[in-house]
Amino acid sequence: MIYCPDCGSEVPSNAKFCPGCGLQRSTPERSPRGRPIQQKGSGFGVAALVLGIVGFLIGPAAVLAIIFGAIGVGRNRRGRGMAWAGLIMGIVVIGLMVLFWVFIGSIFFFL
Protein backbone atom coordinates (compact mmCIF):
# COMPACT_ATOMS: atom_id res chain seq x y z
CA MET A 1 0.00 0.00 0.00
CA ILE A 2 1.22 3.50 -0.86
CA TYR A 3 0.58 6.60 1.27
CA CYS A 4 -0.31 10.03 -0.08
CA PRO A 5 2.47 12.61 0.52
CA ASP A 6 -0.14 15.35 0.89
CA CYS A 7 -2.72 13.96 3.33
CA GLY A 8 -1.21 10.64 4.48
CA SER A 9 -4.15 8.50 3.30
CA GLU A 10 -3.61 5.02 1.96
CA VAL A 11 -3.67 4.98 -1.83
CA PRO A 12 -4.23 1.71 -3.71
CA SER A 13 -1.33 0.89 -6.03
CA ASN A 14 -3.58 0.98 -9.13
CA ALA A 15 -5.19 4.37 -8.29
CA LYS A 16 -4.27 7.48 -10.26
CA PHE A 17 -5.57 9.88 -7.59
CA CYS A 18 -5.59 9.89 -3.79
CA PRO A 19 -9.06 8.94 -2.49
CA GLY A 20 -8.62 11.29 0.48
CA CYS A 21 -7.54 14.58 -1.10
CA GLY A 22 -7.63 13.95 -4.87
CA LEU A 23 -3.89 14.55 -5.41
CA GLN A 24 -2.64 12.99 -8.64
CA ARG A 25 -0.01 10.32 -8.14
CA SER A 26 3.43 11.28 -9.41
CA THR A 27 4.18 7.95 -11.06
CA PRO A 28 4.49 8.34 -14.83
CA GLU A 29 2.06 6.54 -17.09
CA ARG A 30 3.46 3.40 -18.64
CA SER A 31 3.13 2.00 -22.10
CA PRO A 32 1.85 -1.56 -22.58
CA ARG A 33 5.46 -2.73 -22.58
CA GLY A 34 6.12 -1.14 -19.17
CA ARG A 35 8.23 1.80 -20.31
CA PRO A 36 7.30 5.33 -19.20
CA ILE A 37 5.41 7.38 -21.79
CA GLN A 38 7.26 10.58 -22.65
CA GLN A 39 5.18 13.70 -22.97
CA LYS A 40 5.80 15.80 -26.06
CA GLY A 41 6.54 19.48 -25.74
CA SER A 42 4.50 22.01 -27.63
CA GLY A 43 7.41 23.31 -29.75
CA PHE A 44 6.76 26.93 -28.82
CA GLY A 45 9.83 26.95 -26.55
CA VAL A 46 12.14 25.81 -29.32
CA ALA A 47 10.57 28.24 -31.78
CA ALA A 48 10.97 31.12 -29.33
CA LEU A 49 14.63 30.30 -28.71
CA VAL A 50 15.45 29.98 -32.42
CA LEU A 51 13.60 33.20 -33.28
CA GLY A 52 15.34 34.98 -30.39
CA ILE A 53 18.70 34.03 -31.86
CA VAL A 54 17.61 34.91 -35.41
CA GLY A 55 16.31 38.21 -34.05
CA PHE A 56 19.89 39.40 -33.56
CA LEU A 57 20.32 39.18 -37.34
CA ILE A 58 16.77 39.95 -38.48
CA GLY A 59 15.21 42.29 -35.94
CA PRO A 60 11.49 41.70 -36.61
CA ALA A 61 11.93 38.00 -35.76
CA ALA A 62 12.29 39.13 -32.13
CA VAL A 63 8.59 40.04 -32.08
CA LEU A 64 7.72 36.45 -32.97
CA ALA A 65 10.18 35.24 -30.32
CA ILE A 66 8.29 37.25 -27.72
CA ILE A 67 4.92 35.91 -28.89
CA PHE A 68 6.01 32.27 -29.06
CA GLY A 69 7.91 32.59 -25.78
CA ALA A 70 4.82 33.91 -24.00
CA ILE A 71 2.73 31.05 -25.38
CA GLY A 72 5.41 28.48 -24.50
CA VAL A 73 5.72 29.69 -20.92
CA GLY A 74 1.98 29.30 -20.45
CA ARG A 75 1.88 25.77 -21.88
CA ASN A 76 3.15 22.52 -20.38
CA ARG A 77 6.27 22.27 -18.28
CA ARG A 78 8.38 20.63 -20.97
CA GLY A 79 10.34 23.25 -22.94
CA ARG A 80 9.49 26.07 -20.56
CA GLY A 81 13.15 27.02 -20.06
CA MET A 82 13.66 27.46 -23.79
CA ALA A 83 10.48 29.53 -23.96
CA TRP A 84 11.80 31.83 -21.21
CA ALA A 85 15.15 32.14 -22.98
CA GLY A 86 13.47 33.02 -26.29
CA LEU A 87 11.16 35.50 -24.57
CA ILE A 88 14.05 37.26 -22.83
CA MET A 89 16.19 37.28 -25.99
CA GLY A 90 13.30 38.78 -27.96
CA ILE A 91 12.87 41.54 -25.38
CA VAL A 92 16.62 42.25 -25.38
CA VAL A 93 16.72 42.45 -29.19
CA ILE A 94 13.72 44.81 -29.28
CA GLY A 95 15.40 46.97 -26.63
CA LEU A 96 18.64 47.07 -28.61
CA MET A 97 16.73 48.00 -31.77
CA VAL A 98 15.01 50.88 -29.97
CA LEU A 99 18.34 52.14 -28.57
CA PHE A 100 19.92 51.86 -32.02
CA TRP A 101 17.16 53.90 -33.69
CA VAL A 102 17.18 56.50 -30.90
CA PHE A 103 20.95 56.84 -31.35
CA ILE A 104 20.66 57.11 -35.15
CA GLY A 105 17.77 59.57 -34.79
CA SER A 106 19.76 61.76 -32.42
CA ILE A 107 22.70 61.87 -34.84
CA PHE A 108 20.48 63.10 -37.70
CA PHE A 109 18.67 65.52 -35.37
CA PHE A 110 21.87 67.30 -34.41
CA LEU A 111 23.32 67.47 -37.94
C-alpha atoms as a PDB file:
ATOM      1  CA  MET A   1       0.000   0.000   0.000  1.00  0.00           C
ATOM      2  CA  ILE A   2       1.222   3.503  -0.859  1.00  0.00           C
ATOM      3  CA  TYR A   3       0.584   6.605   1.273  1.00  0.00           C
ATOM      4  CA  CYS A   4      -0.309  10.030  -0.084  1.00  0.00           C
ATOM      5  CA  PRO A   5       2.474  12.612   0.521  1.00  0.00           C
ATOM      6  CA  ASP A   6      -0.138  15.353   0.894  1.00  0.00           C
ATOM      7  CA  CYS A   7      -2.723  13.960   3.327  1.00  0.00           C
ATOM      8  CA  GLY A   8      -1.207  10.641   4.475  1.00  0.00           C
ATOM      9  CA  SER A   9      -4.150   8.499   3.301  1.00  0.00           C
ATOM     10  CA  GLU A  10      -3.609   5.018   1.962  1.00  0.00           C
ATOM     11  CA  VAL A  11      -3.672   4.978  -1.825  1.00  0.00           C
ATOM     12  CA  PRO A  12      -4.230   1.708  -3.715  1.00  0.00           C
ATOM     13  CA  SER A  13      -1.333   0.886  -6.032  1.00  0.00           C
ATOM     14  CA  ASN A  14      -3.576   0.982  -9.133  1.00  0.00           C
ATOM     15  CA  ALA A  15      -5.187   4.369  -8.288  1.00  0.00           C
ATOM     16  CA  LYS A  16      -4.274   7.475 -10.259  1.00  0.00           C
ATOM     17  CA  PHE A  17      -5.572   9.882  -7.586  1.00  0.00           C
ATOM     18  CA  CYS A  18      -5.592   9.895  -3.788  1.00  0.00           C
ATOM     19  CA  PRO A  19      -9.058   8.936  -2.493  1.00  0.00           C
ATOM     20  CA  GLY A  20      -8.622  11.290   0.475  1.00  0.00           C
ATOM     21  CA  CYS A  21      -7.540  14.581  -1.099  1.00  0.00           C
ATOM     22  CA  GLY A  22      -7.627  13.954  -4.872  1.00  0.00           C
ATOM     23  CA  LEU A  23      -3.892  14.553  -5.412  1.00  0.00           C
ATOM     24  CA  GLN A  24      -2.640  12.986  -8.638  1.00  0.00           C
ATOM     25  CA  ARG A  25      -0.005  10.325  -8.136  1.00  0.00           C
ATOM     26  CA  SER A  26       3.432  11.276  -9.412  1.00  0.00           C
ATOM     27  CA  THR A  27       4.179   7.948 -11.062  1.00  0.00           C
ATOM     28  CA  PRO A  28       4.492   8.338 -14.827  1.00  0.00           C
ATOM     29  CA  GLU A  29       2.065   6.539 -17.093  1.00  0.00           C
ATOM     30  CA  ARG A  30       3.456   3.402 -18.637  1.00  0.00           C
ATOM     31  CA  SER A  31       3.131   1.998 -22.103  1.00  0.00           C
ATOM     32  CA  PRO A  32       1.851  -1.556 -22.580  1.00  0.00           C
ATOM     33  CA  ARG A  33       5.465  -2.733 -22.576  1.00  0.00           C
ATOM     34  CA  GLY A  34       6.119  -1.143 -19.173  1.00  0.00           C
ATOM     35  CA  ARG A  35       8.233   1.800 -20.315  1.00  0.00           C
ATOM     36  CA  PRO A  36       7.297   5.332 -19.205  1.00  0.00           C
ATOM     37  CA  ILE A  37       5.406   7.375 -21.787  1.00  0.00           C
ATOM     38  CA  GLN A  38       7.258  10.578 -22.650  1.00  0.00           C
ATOM     39  CA  GLN A  39       5.175  13.696 -22.972  1.00  0.00           C
ATOM     40  CA  LYS A  40       5.798  15.797 -26.056  1.00  0.00           C
ATOM     41  CA  GLY A  41       6.544  19.485 -25.741  1.00  0.00           C
ATOM     42  CA  SER A  42       4.497  22.010 -27.635  1.00  0.00           C
ATOM     43  CA  GLY A  43       7.406  23.313 -29.746  1.00  0.00           C
ATOM     44  CA  PHE A  44       6.760  26.932 -28.816  1.00  0.00           C
ATOM     45  CA  GLY A  45       9.830  26.954 -26.548  1.00  0.00           C
ATOM     46  CA  VAL A  46      12.137  25.805 -29.320  1.00  0.00           C
ATOM     47  CA  ALA A  47      10.567  28.239 -31.783  1.00  0.00           C
ATOM     48  CA  ALA A  48      10.973  31.123 -29.326  1.00  0.00           C
ATOM     49  CA  LEU A  49      14.625  30.300 -28.713  1.00  0.00           C
ATOM     50  CA  VAL A  50      15.446  29.983 -32.420  1.00  0.00           C
ATOM     51  CA  LEU A  51      13.599  33.197 -33.276  1.00  0.00           C
ATOM     52  CA  GLY A  52      15.341  34.980 -30.388  1.00  0.00           C
ATOM     53  CA  ILE A  53      18.703  34.026 -31.860  1.00  0.00           C
ATOM     54  CA  VAL A  54      17.615  34.905 -35.405  1.00  0.00           C
ATOM     55  CA  GLY A  55      16.307  38.209 -34.046  1.00  0.00           C
ATOM     56  CA  PHE A  56      19.886  39.401 -33.561  1.00  0.00           C
ATOM     57  CA  LEU A  57      20.322  39.176 -37.336  1.00  0.00           C
ATOM     58  CA  ILE A  58      16.774  39.950 -38.478  1.00  0.00           C
ATOM     59  CA  GLY A  59      15.210  42.285 -35.939  1.00  0.00           C
ATOM     60  CA  PRO A  60      11.491  41.699 -36.608  1.00  0.00           C
ATOM     61  CA  ALA A  61      11.926  37.997 -35.759  1.00  0.00           C
ATOM     62  CA  ALA A  62      12.286  39.133 -32.133  1.00  0.00           C
ATOM     63  CA  VAL A  63       8.592  40.043 -32.078  1.00  0.00           C
ATOM     64  CA  LEU A  64       7.722  36.450 -32.967  1.00  0.00           C
ATOM     65  CA  ALA A  65      10.179  35.237 -30.318  1.00  0.00           C
ATOM     66  CA  ILE A  66       8.288  37.250 -27.716  1.00  0.00           C
ATOM     67  CA  ILE A  67       4.918  35.910 -28.886  1.00  0.00           C
ATOM     68  CA  PHE A  68       6.010  32.267 -29.056  1.00  0.00           C
ATOM     69  CA  GLY A  69       7.908  32.594 -25.776  1.00  0.00           C
ATOM     70  CA  ALA A  70       4.822  33.908 -23.995  1.00  0.00           C
ATOM     71  CA  ILE A  71       2.732  31.049 -25.380  1.00  0.00           C
ATOM     72  CA  GLY A  72       5.412  28.479 -24.503  1.00  0.00           C
ATOM     73  CA  VAL A  73       5.722  29.689 -20.919  1.00  0.00           C
ATOM     74  CA  GLY A  74       1.978  29.300 -20.450  1.00  0.00           C
ATOM     75  CA  ARG A  75       1.884  25.774 -21.883  1.00  0.00           C
ATOM     76  CA  ASN A  76       3.146  22.520 -20.379  1.00  0.00           C
ATOM     77  CA  ARG A  77       6.271  22.268 -18.280  1.00  0.00           C
ATOM     78  CA  ARG A  78       8.379  20.631 -20.966  1.00  0.00           C
ATOM     79  CA  GLY A  79      10.341  23.247 -22.938  1.00  0.00           C
ATOM     80  CA  ARG A  80       9.487  26.074 -20.558  1.00  0.00           C
ATOM     81  CA  GLY A  81      13.154  27.017 -20.064  1.00  0.00           C
ATOM     82  CA  MET A  82      13.664  27.458 -23.794  1.00  0.00           C
ATOM     83  CA  ALA A  83      10.482  29.527 -23.959  1.00  0.00           C
ATOM     84  CA  TRP A  84      11.796  31.826 -21.208  1.00  0.00           C
ATOM     85  CA  ALA A  85      15.152  32.139 -22.985  1.00  0.00           C
ATOM     86  CA  GLY A  86      13.467  33.021 -26.291  1.00  0.00           C
ATOM     87  CA  LEU A  87      11.162  35.501 -24.571  1.00  0.00           C
ATOM     88  CA  ILE A  88      14.049  37.261 -22.829  1.00  0.00           C
ATOM     89  CA  MET A  89      16.190  37.278 -25.986  1.00  0.00           C
ATOM     90  CA  GLY A  90      13.299  38.779 -27.956  1.00  0.00           C
ATOM     91  CA  ILE A  91      12.875  41.541 -25.380  1.00  0.00           C
ATOM     92  CA  VAL A  92      16.622  42.251 -25.377  1.00  0.00           C
ATOM     93  CA  VAL A  93      16.721  42.445 -29.189  1.00  0.00           C
ATOM     94  CA  ILE A  94      13.724  44.812 -29.284  1.00  0.00           C
ATOM     95  CA  GLY A  95      15.404  46.970 -26.627  1.00  0.00           C
ATOM     96  CA  LEU A  96      18.644  47.069 -28.611  1.00  0.00           C
ATOM     97  CA  MET A  97      16.730  47.996 -31.770  1.00  0.00           C
ATOM     98  CA  VAL A  98      15.014  50.883 -29.966  1.00  0.00           C
ATOM     99  CA  LEU A  99      18.337  52.136 -28.570  1.00  0.00           C
ATOM    100  CA  PHE A 100      19.918  51.859 -32.022  1.00  0.00           C
ATOM    101  CA  TRP A 101      17.161  53.898 -33.689  1.00  0.00           C
ATOM    102  CA  VAL A 102      17.182  56.497 -30.897  1.00  0.00           C
ATOM    103  CA  PHE A 103      20.950  56.841 -31.346  1.00  0.00           C
ATOM    104  CA  ILE A 104      20.660  57.115 -35.147  1.00  0.00           C
ATOM    105  CA  GLY A 105      17.770  59.574 -34.791  1.00  0.00           C
ATOM    106  CA  SER A 106      19.760  61.760 -32.422  1.00  0.00           C
ATOM    107  CA  ILE A 107      22.697  61.874 -34.843  1.00  0.00           C
ATOM    108  CA  PHE A 108      20.481  63.098 -37.697  1.00  0.00           C
ATOM    109  CA  PHE A 109      18.671  65.516 -35.368  1.00  0.00           C
ATOM    110  CA  PHE A 110      21.874  67.298 -34.409  1.00  0.00           C
ATOM    111  CA  LEU A 111      23.320  67.471 -37.939  1.00  0.00           C
END
